PDB file of N, CA and C in Angstrom:
ATOM      1  N   MET A   1     -61.008  -1.296-111.342  1.00  0.00           N
ATOM      2  CA  MET A   1     -60.521  -2.582-111.851  1.00  0.00           C
ATOM      3  C   MET A   1     -59.118  -2.450-112.447  1.00  0.00           C
ATOM      4  N   MET A   2     -58.870  -1.396-113.173  1.00  0.00           N
ATOM      5  CA  MET A   2     -57.570  -1.226-113.811  1.00  0.00           C
ATOM      6  C   MET A   2     -56.418  -1.103-112.814  1.00  0.00           C
ATOM      7  N   PRO A   3     -56.569  -0.310-111.741  1.00  0.00           N
ATOM      8  CA  PRO A   3     -55.441  -0.214-110.794  1.00  0.00           C
ATOM      9  C   PRO A   3     -55.029  -1.567-110.230  1.00  0.00           C
ATOM     10  N   LEU A   4     -56.006  -2.411-109.975  1.00  0.00           N
ATOM     11  CA  LEU A   4     -55.709  -3.747-109.455  1.00  0.00           C
ATOM     12  C   LEU A   4     -54.902  -4.548-110.469  1.00  0.00           C
ATOM     13  N   LEU A   5     -55.303  -4.455-111.731  1.00  0.00           N
ATOM     14  CA  LEU A   5     -54.614  -5.182-112.789  1.00  0.00           C
ATOM     15  C   LEU A   5     -53.168  -4.714-112.921  1.00  0.00           C
ATOM     16  N   SER A   6     -52.978  -3.394-112.939  1.00  0.00           N
ATOM     17  CA  SER A   6     -51.614  -2.869-113.065  1.00  0.00           C
ATOM     18  C   SER A   6     -50.790  -3.249-111.839  1.00  0.00           C
ATOM     19  N   HIS A   7     -51.421  -3.260-110.673  1.00  0.00           N
ATOM     20  CA  HIS A   7     -50.735  -3.650-109.442  1.00  0.00           C
ATOM     21  C   HIS A   7     -50.253  -5.095-109.543  1.00  0.00           C
ATOM     22  N   LEU A   8     -51.112  -5.971-110.066  1.00  0.00           N
ATOM     23  CA  LEU A   8     -50.737  -7.371-110.248  1.00  0.00           C
ATOM     24  C   LEU A   8     -49.603  -7.517-111.249  1.00  0.00           C
ATOM     25  N   MET A   9     -49.663  -6.726-112.313  1.00  0.00           N
ATOM     26  CA  MET A   9     -48.608  -6.789-113.323  1.00  0.00           C
ATOM     27  C   MET A   9     -47.269  -6.366-112.732  1.00  0.00           C
ATOM     28  N   VAL A  10     -47.276  -5.283-111.962  1.00  0.00           N
ATOM     29  CA  VAL A  10     -46.043  -4.809-111.332  1.00  0.00           C
ATOM     30  C   VAL A  10     -45.517  -5.859-110.361  1.00  0.00           C
ATOM     31  N   ASN A  11     -46.427  -6.467-109.609  1.00  0.00           N
ATOM     32  CA  ASN A  11     -46.014  -7.504-108.666  1.00  0.00           C
ATOM     33  C   ASN A  11     -45.384  -8.691-109.376  1.00  0.00           C
ATOM     34  N   SER A  12     -45.982  -9.117-110.477  1.00  0.00           N
ATOM     35  CA  SER A  12     -45.429 -10.263-111.203  1.00  0.00           C
ATOM     36  C   SER A  12     -44.080  -9.908-111.805  1.00  0.00           C
ATOM     37  N   MET A  13     -43.930  -8.660-112.273  1.00  0.00           N
ATOM     38  CA  MET A  13     -42.653  -8.238-112.838  1.00  0.00           C
ATOM     39  C   MET A  13     -41.569  -8.242-111.771  1.00  0.00           C
ATOM     40  N   SER A  14     -41.880  -7.687-110.607  1.00  0.00           N
ATOM     41  CA  SER A  14     -40.888  -7.661-109.538  1.00  0.00           C
ATOM     42  C   SER A  14     -40.585  -9.082-109.058  1.00  0.00           C
ATOM     43  N   TRP A  15     -41.602  -9.945-109.054  1.00  0.00           N
ATOM     44  CA  TRP A  15     -41.398 -11.340-108.666  1.00  0.00           C
ATOM     45  C   TRP A  15     -40.453 -12.034-109.638  1.00  0.00           C
ATOM     46  N   ASN A  16     -40.643 -11.762-110.948  1.00  0.00           N
ATOM     47  CA  ASN A  16     -39.758 -12.338-111.956  1.00  0.00           C
ATOM     48  C   ASN A  16     -38.333 -11.856-111.752  1.00  0.00           C
ATOM     49  N   MET A  17     -38.176 -10.570-111.459  1.00  0.00           N
ATOM     50  CA  MET A  17     -36.845 -10.026-111.230  1.00  0.00           C
ATOM     51  C   MET A  17     -36.199 -10.684-110.019  1.00  0.00           C
ATOM     52  N   LEU A  18     -36.992 -10.883-108.974  1.00  0.00           N
ATOM     53  CA  LEU A  18     -36.468 -11.515-107.764  1.00  0.00           C
ATOM     54  C   LEU A  18     -36.028 -12.948-108.032  1.00  0.00           C
ATOM     55  N   THR A  19     -36.841 -13.686-108.779  1.00  0.00           N
ATOM     56  CA  THR A  19     -36.468 -15.075-109.066  1.00  0.00           C
ATOM     57  C   THR A  19     -35.219 -15.121-109.934  1.00  0.00           C
ATOM     58  N   GLN A  20     -35.104 -14.175-110.880  1.00  0.00           N
ATOM     59  CA  GLN A  20     -33.902 -14.114-111.707  1.00  0.00           C
ATOM     60  C   GLN A  20     -32.682 -13.848-110.836  1.00  0.00           C
ATOM     61  N   LEU A  21     -32.816 -12.912-109.901  1.00  0.00           N
ATOM     62  CA  LEU A  21     -31.711 -12.593-108.999  1.00  0.00           C
ATOM     63  C   LEU A  21     -31.345 -13.803-108.156  1.00  0.00           C
ATOM     64  N   ASN A  22     -32.355 -14.520-107.680  1.00  0.00           N
ATOM     65  CA  ASN A  22     -32.097 -15.705-106.870  1.00  0.00           C
ATOM     66  C   ASN A  22     -31.352 -16.767-107.664  1.00  0.00           C
ATOM     67  N   LYS A  23     -31.738 -16.956-108.919  1.00  0.00           N
ATOM     68  CA  LYS A  23     -31.051 -17.940-109.761  1.00  0.00           C
ATOM     69  C   LYS A  23     -29.601 -17.533-109.967  1.00  0.00           C
ATOM     70  N   LYS A  24     -29.377 -16.234-110.235  1.00  0.00           N
ATOM     71  CA  LYS A  24     -28.017 -15.763-110.459  1.00  0.00           C
ATOM     72  C   LYS A  24     -27.180 -15.930-109.206  1.00  0.00           C
ATOM     73  N   SER A  25     -27.726 -15.534-108.063  1.00  0.00           N
ATOM     74  CA  SER A  25     -26.957 -15.628-106.829  1.00  0.00           C
ATOM     75  C   SER A  25     -26.676 -17.085-106.477  1.00  0.00           C
ATOM     76  N   ALA A  26     -27.615 -17.969-106.776  1.00  0.00           N
ATOM     77  CA  ALA A  26     -27.391 -19.394-106.513  1.00  0.00           C
ATOM     78  C   ALA A  26     -26.254 -19.913-107.381  1.00  0.00           C
ATOM     79  N   ARG A  27     -26.232 -19.461-108.643  1.00  0.00           N
ATOM     80  CA  ARG A  27     -25.163 -19.896-109.539  1.00  0.00           C
ATOM     81  C   ARG A  27     -23.819 -19.381-109.036  1.00  0.00           C
ATOM     82  N   TYR A  28     -23.790 -18.108-108.644  1.00  0.00           N
ATOM     83  CA  TYR A  28     -22.544 -17.549-108.133  1.00  0.00           C
ATOM     84  C   TYR A  28     -22.122 -18.252-106.848  1.00  0.00           C
ATOM     85  N   HIS A  29     -23.100 -18.606-106.032  1.00  0.00           N
ATOM     86  CA  HIS A  29     -22.790 -19.258-104.765  1.00  0.00           C
ATOM     87  C   HIS A  29     -22.150 -20.624-105.002  1.00  0.00           C
ATOM     88  N   SER A  30     -22.696 -21.388-105.939  1.00  0.00           N
ATOM     89  CA  SER A  30     -22.122 -22.706-106.231  1.00  0.00           C
ATOM     90  C   SER A  30     -20.733 -22.550-106.833  1.00  0.00           C
ATOM     91  N   LEU A  31     -20.555 -21.522-107.672  1.00  0.00           N
ATOM     92  CA  LEU A  31     -19.246 -21.258-108.261  1.00  0.00           C
ATOM     93  C   LEU A  31     -18.245 -20.917-107.165  1.00  0.00           C
ATOM     94  N   TYR A  32     -18.685 -20.086-106.229  1.00  0.00           N
ATOM     95  CA  TYR A  32     -17.824 -19.678-105.121  1.00  0.00           C
ATOM     96  C   TYR A  32     -17.442 -20.880-104.264  1.00  0.00           C
ATOM     97  N   LYS A  33     -18.410 -21.753-104.011  1.00  0.00           N
ATOM     98  CA  LYS A  33     -18.116 -22.951-103.221  1.00  0.00           C
ATOM     99  C   LYS A  33     -17.122 -23.843-103.943  1.00  0.00           C
ATOM    100  N   ASP A  34     -17.269 -23.954-105.263  1.00  0.00           N
ATOM    101  CA  ASP A  34     -16.358 -24.762-106.069  1.00  0.00           C
ATOM    102  C   ASP A  34     -14.943 -24.210-105.971  1.00  0.00           C
ATOM    103  N   ILE A  35     -14.809 -22.892-106.107  1.00  0.00           N
ATOM    104  CA  ILE A  35     -13.488 -22.256-106.026  1.00  0.00           C
ATOM    105  C   ILE A  35     -12.897 -22.447-104.634  1.00  0.00           C
ATOM    106  N   LYS A  36     -13.753 -22.303-103.616  1.00  0.00           N
ATOM    107  CA  LYS A  36     -13.277 -22.457-102.244  1.00  0.00           C
ATOM    108  C   LYS A  36     -12.760 -23.873-102.012  1.00  0.00           C
ATOM    109  N   LEU A  37     -13.494 -24.865-102.521  1.00  0.00           N
ATOM    110  CA  LEU A  37     -13.066 -26.255-102.367  1.00  0.00           C
ATOM    111  C   LEU A  37     -11.731 -26.490-103.058  1.00  0.00           C
ATOM    112  N   ARG A  38     -11.577 -25.936-104.262  1.00  0.00           N
ATOM    113  CA  ARG A  38     -10.319 -26.114-104.982  1.00  0.00           C
ATOM    114  C   ARG A  38      -9.171 -25.475-104.232  1.00  0.00           C
ATOM    115  N   CYS A  39      -9.404 -24.293-103.688  1.00  0.00           N
ATOM    116  CA  CYS A  39      -8.354 -23.613-102.931  1.00  0.00           C
ATOM    117  C   CYS A  39      -7.981 -24.425-101.699  1.00  0.00           C
ATOM    118  N   CYS A  40      -8.975 -24.974-101.023  1.00  0.00           N
ATOM    119  CA  CYS A  40      -8.701 -25.799 -99.846  1.00  0.00           C
ATOM    120  C   CYS A  40      -7.906 -27.035-100.237  1.00  0.00           C
ATOM    121  N   ASP A  41      -8.259 -27.658-101.349  1.00  0.00           N
ATOM    122  CA  ASP A  41      -7.523 -28.833-101.824  1.00  0.00           C
ATOM    123  C   ASP A  41      -6.074 -28.471-102.114  1.00  0.00           C
ATOM    124  N   ASN A  42      -5.867 -27.336-102.778  1.00  0.00           N
ATOM    125  CA  ASN A  42      -4.509 -26.903-103.091  1.00  0.00           C
ATOM    126  C   ASN A  42      -3.716 -26.633-101.823  1.00  0.00           C
ATOM    127  N   LEU A  43      -4.351 -26.010-100.843  1.00  0.00           N
ATOM    128  CA  LEU A  43      -3.676 -25.734 -99.577  1.00  0.00           C
ATOM    129  C   LEU A  43      -3.300 -27.030 -98.879  1.00  0.00           C
ATOM    130  N   ASN A  44      -4.206 -27.996 -98.888  1.00  0.00           N
ATOM    131  CA  ASN A  44      -3.919 -29.290 -98.270  1.00  0.00           C
ATOM    132  C   ASN A  44      -2.748 -29.975 -98.959  1.00  0.00           C
ATOM    133  N   LEU A  45      -2.721 -29.907-100.283  1.00  0.00           N
ATOM    134  CA  LEU A  45      -1.620 -30.509-101.033  1.00  0.00           C
ATOM    135  C   LEU A  45      -0.303 -29.827-100.678  1.00  0.00           C
ATOM    136  N   LEU A  46      -0.338 -28.504-100.585  1.00  0.00           N
ATOM    137  CA  LEU A  46       0.878 -27.765-100.244  1.00  0.00           C
ATOM    138  C   LEU A  46       1.353 -28.131 -98.844  1.00  0.00           C
ATOM    139  N   LEU A  47       0.408 -28.220 -97.910  1.00  0.00           N
ATOM    140  CA  LEU A  47       0.774 -28.529 -96.532  1.00  0.00           C
ATOM    141  C   LEU A  47       1.310 -29.953 -96.410  1.00  0.00           C
ATOM    142  N   MET A  48       0.702 -30.895 -97.139  1.00  0.00           N
ATOM    143  CA  MET A  48       1.159 -32.279 -97.052  1.00  0.00           C
ATOM    144  C   MET A  48       2.464 -32.483 -97.811  1.00  0.00           C
ATOM    145  N   GLY A  49       2.554 -31.858 -98.995  1.00  0.00           N
ATOM    146  CA  GLY A  49       3.762 -32.029 -99.793  1.00  0.00           C
ATOM    147  C   GLY A  49       4.839 -31.118 -99.290  1.00  0.00           C
TER     148      GLY A  49
END
């Protein structure tokens, strides 16, 4: 019974770590998209002006 319990605990811990990583990467991804959009806007302004 104990090995199963510890196995579940390890699984939940790794799952928590994975979800944390996913949240962080999603935040970085949105930040990256924001920066990319701003750079594109600046390039368009430079090209038009």
